[in-house]
Amino acid sequence: MQDPLDERVVRRHHRPHEGLRHPVMPRVAPAPNRMWAALVAACGYVSVPPTGGDYPELPPVQWQAVGERGIRIDHRTHDHEVLGPYRGQPSGVVARGGKWEVHHNPHDARQIWIRLPDGELTEVPWIHRDHAHHPFNDRTWQYVITVTALRSDRDRYEADLADALDQLMRRAHTGHTTRVEHALLARGTPTRTPPPARRSAHEGREQGLGDVLPGRPGGDSLDELDDGLDESPLPESDTGEDDPDSPAPPYRGLGLYDAHEEALKW
C-alpha cells in the first residue's frame, strides 16, 4: 500500500493546482512543487541537520525474511534478541511478499537496520561483529569470500569468513598486506604524484601573491593550469611497488564515522 501511495503523492505534486496562484502569474495554476520552489527562492529556508535517528534512513533498502536464526545477507547472519517476536513471521507488507524492510550500509557491513511494526529502524548487529573492529565494505567482504574455502557447514563457513576478515585487517594495520589487498582496503589503486615544477629563487621572489602556478607569475587563468606541470616522464622505480605481492604501507583505515556519534557532535 505504501509504494502506490508514495507514487500517487509524487504525481499529484507535479500537477497544476487551482488553489495555488503566484502574484507574477495570476492566471497560471502552478503545481505544488513549482509553487514551493518559487517561495523558497523568495523567502529562503533554514536547513535542519539530520539527527541520529535520521542516518539509518539514508542507506540502501532491501527486503529480507526474518528466520529463526536472524536475517541472512550474503553469508552474514545478523541477529539480536529484538527479533524474537518476529522470527518466521511476515511483515504485513503484501507487496513485498511479507518480507521486512532492511537498511544496510555498503561501506560498513557490521550491522543492519530493520523497520519493526512500531515504524522505527532498529539496529541488528552481525553475529561476528566482535571480529571486525573496523568498518569493511562490500568489496572487502567479496574478496574475503573468494579467498576462503567453501564449507558445507554454513555456521563454520561464516566463522571462517569472519576469521579471514580479522586476519586481513590485522595484516593491514601491521603493513603486511599485498598491493592488491592494500588497494582494496583503500578503495582505490595507488597512484604516483608528479613532482612539482622547478623554478629559480628569482622567479619565486617576483611572483608574490601571483604564485598560483610554479614558474608562472600572476597565473590566474584556469585554462593554463596544465601548462605549469612538469611533463617529464616519471623515473622507473625498482622497489617493486608495482608487484601485486610486494608489501604495502601500513593501513590507516577508511575514515568512516558512526552515525550516532556524528549526530551527537552536531
Protein backbone atom coordinates (compact mmCIF):
# COMPACT_ATOMS: atom_id res chain seq x y z
CA MET A 1 0.00 0.00 0.00
CA GLN A 2 2.80 2.42 0.83
CA ASP A 3 4.51 2.30 -2.57
CA PRO A 4 1.35 3.12 -4.62
CA LEU A 5 0.57 5.89 -2.13
CA ASP A 6 4.04 7.40 -2.48
CA GLU A 7 3.78 7.24 -6.27
CA ARG A 8 0.41 8.99 -6.18
CA VAL A 9 1.75 11.75 -3.94
CA VAL A 10 4.67 12.35 -6.31
CA ARG A 11 2.38 12.56 -9.34
CA ARG A 12 0.00 14.89 -7.52
CA HIS A 13 2.75 17.36 -6.64
CA HIS A 14 3.64 17.73 -10.31
CA ARG A 15 0.10 18.53 -11.47
CA PRO A 16 -1.34 22.09 -11.63
CA HIS A 17 -3.41 23.03 -8.60
CA GLU A 18 -6.25 25.53 -8.97
CA GLY A 19 -5.91 26.63 -5.36
CA LEU A 20 -2.40 27.95 -5.91
CA ARG A 21 -1.60 31.30 -7.51
CA HIS A 22 1.60 33.29 -7.95
CA PRO A 23 1.34 37.11 -7.92
CA VAL A 24 3.54 37.37 -11.02
CA MET A 25 1.45 34.80 -12.93
CA PRO A 26 -2.11 35.17 -11.59
CA ARG A 27 -3.70 33.29 -14.50
CA VAL A 28 -1.45 30.21 -14.18
CA ALA A 29 -2.21 27.46 -11.71
CA PRO A 30 1.23 26.15 -10.72
CA ALA A 31 1.96 22.68 -9.47
CA PRO A 32 2.73 22.37 -5.74
CA ASN A 33 6.38 21.65 -6.48
CA ARG A 34 6.73 24.76 -8.67
CA MET A 35 4.99 26.90 -6.06
CA TRP A 36 7.27 25.56 -3.36
CA ALA A 37 10.32 26.35 -5.49
CA ALA A 38 9.08 29.90 -6.09
CA LEU A 39 8.51 30.50 -2.38
CA VAL A 40 11.89 29.09 -1.43
CA ALA A 41 13.57 31.35 -3.99
CA ALA A 42 11.76 34.37 -2.50
CA CYS A 43 11.96 33.58 1.21
CA GLY A 44 14.85 31.13 1.54
CA TYR A 45 14.98 28.27 4.01
CA VAL A 46 16.89 27.02 7.02
CA SER A 47 18.37 23.56 6.64
CA VAL A 48 17.97 21.25 9.63
CA PRO A 49 20.87 18.85 10.23
CA PRO A 50 19.93 15.18 10.50
CA THR A 51 19.67 13.61 13.93
CA GLY A 52 20.99 10.21 14.95
CA GLY A 53 17.68 8.59 14.04
CA ASP A 54 17.77 10.06 10.52
CA TYR A 55 21.01 8.42 9.39
CA PRO A 56 19.70 4.81 9.28
CA GLU A 57 17.03 6.02 6.84
CA LEU A 58 19.68 7.01 4.26
CA PRO A 59 21.39 3.67 3.39
CA PRO A 60 20.02 1.44 0.62
CA VAL A 61 16.99 -0.74 1.30
CA GLN A 62 16.47 -4.42 0.62
CA TRP A 63 13.66 -6.71 1.71
CA GLN A 64 14.60 -9.76 3.78
CA ALA A 65 12.87 -12.50 5.70
CA VAL A 66 13.44 -12.89 9.44
CA GLY A 67 14.33 -16.52 10.02
CA GLU A 68 14.60 -18.50 13.21
CA ARG A 69 18.30 -17.58 13.42
CA GLY A 70 18.04 -13.98 12.30
CA ILE A 71 18.49 -12.18 8.99
CA ARG A 72 20.81 -13.72 6.43
CA ILE A 73 22.58 -11.39 3.95
CA ASP A 74 25.45 -12.51 1.71
CA HIS A 75 26.75 -15.27 4.05
CA ARG A 76 26.39 -12.98 7.08
CA THR A 77 23.89 -13.65 9.87
CA HIS A 78 22.50 -10.65 11.72
CA ASP A 79 20.70 -11.45 14.93
CA HIS A 80 19.51 -9.76 18.11
CA GLU A 81 17.01 -10.50 20.83
CA VAL A 82 14.78 -7.74 19.48
CA LEU A 83 13.91 -10.06 16.58
CA GLY A 84 12.42 -12.65 18.94
CA PRO A 85 8.69 -11.98 18.35
CA TYR A 86 9.15 -11.65 14.58
CA ARG A 87 11.10 -14.81 13.71
CA GLY A 88 9.35 -16.63 10.90
CA GLN A 89 6.60 -14.02 10.85
CA PRO A 90 5.54 -11.92 7.83
CA SER A 91 5.98 -8.18 7.94
CA GLY A 92 2.49 -7.45 6.69
CA VAL A 93 3.78 -5.75 3.54
CA VAL A 94 1.91 -7.80 0.94
CA ALA A 95 3.59 -6.06 -2.00
CA ARG A 96 6.95 -7.39 -0.75
CA GLY A 97 5.81 -10.92 -0.07
CA GLY A 98 5.76 -10.43 3.69
CA LYS A 99 9.48 -9.58 3.84
CA TRP A 100 10.88 -6.94 6.15
CA GLU A 101 12.39 -3.57 5.23
CA VAL A 102 16.13 -3.72 5.94
CA HIS A 103 18.64 -0.88 5.53
CA HIS A 104 22.33 -1.71 5.07
CA ASN A 105 25.39 0.50 4.75
CA PRO A 106 27.57 -0.68 1.80
CA HIS A 107 30.62 0.89 3.49
CA ASP A 108 30.09 -0.67 6.92
CA ALA A 109 28.54 -4.13 6.83
CA ARG A 110 28.90 -4.81 10.55
CA GLN A 111 25.22 -4.07 11.23
CA ILE A 112 21.88 -3.53 9.52
CA TRP A 113 18.67 -1.77 10.50
CA ILE A 114 15.22 -3.33 10.30
CA ARG A 115 11.92 -1.46 10.40
CA LEU A 116 9.74 -3.07 13.06
CA PRO A 117 5.95 -2.68 13.36
CA ASP A 118 6.40 0.42 15.54
CA GLY A 119 7.80 2.20 12.47
CA GLU A 120 11.27 2.73 13.92
CA LEU A 121 14.52 1.38 12.48
CA THR A 122 16.29 -0.90 14.94
CA GLU A 123 19.95 -1.89 14.67
CA VAL A 124 20.73 -5.60 14.31
CA PRO A 125 24.45 -6.48 14.53
CA TRP A 126 26.38 -9.16 12.68
CA ILE A 127 26.86 -12.14 14.99
CA HIS A 128 30.64 -11.97 14.37
CA ARG A 129 30.96 -8.22 14.78
CA ASP A 130 33.49 -8.71 17.57
CA HIS A 131 35.90 -9.97 14.90
CA ALA A 132 35.56 -6.75 12.87
CA HIS A 133 36.87 -3.85 14.91
CA HIS A 134 36.86 -1.53 11.89
CA PRO A 135 34.31 -0.90 9.13
CA PHE A 136 34.55 -3.02 6.00
CA ASN A 137 32.70 -2.54 2.74
CA ASP A 138 31.06 -4.94 0.29
CA ARG A 139 34.19 -5.12 -1.90
CA THR A 140 36.31 -6.26 1.02
CA TRP A 141 33.73 -8.86 2.02
CA GLN A 142 33.54 -10.25 -1.53
CA TYR A 143 37.33 -10.53 -1.58
CA VAL A 144 37.26 -12.48 1.69
CA ILE A 145 34.68 -14.84 0.17
CA THR A 146 36.92 -15.51 -2.85
CA VAL A 147 39.96 -16.41 -0.72
CA THR A 148 38.10 -18.57 1.83
CA ALA A 149 37.43 -22.24 1.15
CA LEU A 150 33.74 -23.05 0.88
CA ARG A 151 32.31 -25.38 3.55
CA SER A 152 29.07 -27.32 3.60
CA ASP A 153 28.53 -26.31 7.23
CA ARG A 154 27.04 -22.81 6.98
CA ASP A 155 27.94 -21.80 10.54
CA ARG A 156 31.52 -22.98 10.19
CA TYR A 157 31.87 -21.26 6.83
CA GLU A 158 30.66 -17.95 8.26
CA ALA A 159 33.12 -18.31 11.15
CA ASP A 160 35.92 -18.92 8.63
CA LEU A 161 34.91 -15.77 6.75
CA ALA A 162 34.98 -13.74 9.96
CA ASP A 163 38.40 -15.13 10.82
CA ALA A 164 39.73 -14.38 7.33
CA LEU A 165 38.42 -10.81 7.60
CA ASP A 166 40.05 -10.39 11.01
CA GLN A 167 43.39 -11.66 9.67
CA LEU A 168 43.15 -9.30 6.70
CA MET A 169 42.55 -6.30 8.96
CA ARG A 170 45.43 -7.31 11.23
CA ARG A 171 47.80 -7.60 8.27
CA ALA A 172 46.61 -4.22 7.02
CA HIS A 173 47.38 -2.43 10.29
CA THR A 174 50.81 -4.00 10.56
CA GLY A 175 51.71 -3.22 6.94
CA HIS A 176 51.94 -6.84 5.77
CA THR A 177 49.23 -6.76 3.11
CA THR A 178 49.96 -7.17 -0.57
CA ARG A 179 49.42 -4.35 -3.03
CA VAL A 180 46.16 -5.89 -4.15
CA GLU A 181 44.82 -6.05 -0.59
CA HIS A 182 46.01 -2.54 0.22
CA ALA A 183 44.33 -1.10 -2.88
CA LEU A 184 41.16 -2.97 -1.98
CA LEU A 185 41.04 -1.66 1.58
CA ALA A 186 41.93 1.86 0.49
CA ARG A 187 39.08 1.78 -2.05
CA GLY A 188 41.43 2.75 -4.87
CA THR A 189 44.70 1.93 -6.57
CA PRO A 190 47.96 3.62 -5.56
CA THR A 191 48.92 6.49 -7.83
CA ARG A 192 52.13 8.39 -8.30
CA THR A 193 52.18 12.11 -7.66
CA PRO A 194 54.17 14.12 -10.25
CA PRO A 195 56.99 16.20 -8.76
CA PRO A 196 56.49 19.99 -8.63
CA ALA A 197 57.92 22.08 -11.45
CA ARG A 198 61.30 23.60 -10.68
CA ARG A 199 61.84 27.35 -10.56
CA SER A 200 64.62 29.71 -9.65
CA ALA A 201 64.79 31.75 -6.48
CA HIS A 202 64.49 34.96 -8.55
CA GLU A 203 61.17 33.76 -10.02
CA GLY A 204 59.89 32.89 -6.58
CA ARG A 205 60.60 36.41 -5.24
CA GLU A 206 58.93 38.19 -8.13
CA GLN A 207 55.73 36.15 -8.16
CA GLY A 208 54.48 37.23 -4.74
CA LEU A 209 50.72 36.84 -4.48
CA GLY A 210 50.59 35.69 -8.09
CA ASP A 211 52.27 32.43 -7.13
CA VAL A 212 49.32 30.33 -8.23
CA LEU A 213 51.31 28.13 -10.57
CA PRO A 214 55.02 27.29 -10.25
CA GLY A 215 57.13 29.23 -12.75
CA ARG A 216 54.20 31.39 -13.99
CA PRO A 217 53.93 34.82 -12.32
CA GLY A 218 50.41 36.13 -11.85
CA GLY A 219 48.88 32.88 -13.07
CA ASP A 220 45.15 33.38 -12.57
CA SER A 221 43.75 31.56 -15.61
CA LEU A 222 42.24 28.12 -15.23
CA ASP A 223 42.90 27.44 -18.91
CA GLU A 224 46.65 27.40 -18.31
CA LEU A 225 46.81 25.15 -15.25
CA ASP A 226 48.07 22.18 -17.24
CA ASP A 227 50.90 24.20 -18.77
CA GLY A 228 52.75 24.57 -15.49
CA LEU A 229 53.08 20.86 -14.74
CA ASP A 230 56.37 19.15 -15.35
CA GLU A 231 55.71 16.82 -18.26
CA SER A 232 58.99 14.96 -17.92
CA PRO A 233 58.47 11.19 -17.61
CA LEU A 234 58.50 9.74 -14.13
CA PRO A 235 61.56 7.69 -13.29
CA GLU A 236 61.02 3.96 -13.13
CA SER A 237 61.20 2.61 -9.64
CA ASP A 238 62.93 -0.67 -8.87
CA THR A 239 61.47 -1.00 -5.40
CA GLY A 240 58.83 -3.44 -6.61
CA GLU A 241 55.88 -1.18 -5.81
CA ASP A 242 54.07 -2.40 -8.91
CA ASP A 243 54.38 -6.02 -7.82
CA PRO A 244 50.99 -7.18 -6.52
CA ASP A 245 52.68 -9.37 -3.91
CA SER A 246 55.07 -6.73 -2.58
CA PRO A 247 54.46 -5.40 0.97
CA ALA A 248 52.19 -2.37 1.28
CA PRO A 249 52.45 0.61 3.64
CA PRO A 250 50.54 0.40 6.96
CA TYR A 251 46.78 0.63 6.61
CA ARG A 252 45.34 3.77 8.20
CA GLY A 253 41.64 2.96 7.96
CA LEU A 254 38.77 4.20 5.83
CA GLY A 255 37.94 7.22 7.94
CA LEU A 256 34.27 6.24 8.32
CA TYR A 257 32.24 7.50 11.22
CA ASP A 258 29.50 6.17 13.42
CA ALA A 259 26.16 7.80 12.58
CA HIS A 260 25.02 8.23 16.14
CA GLU A 261 28.34 9.66 17.35
CA GLU A 262 28.39 12.10 14.45
CA ALA A 263 24.86 13.27 15.28
CA LEU A 264 25.85 13.93 18.89
CA LYS A 265 28.68 16.22 17.71
CA TRP A 266 26.10 18.38 15.89
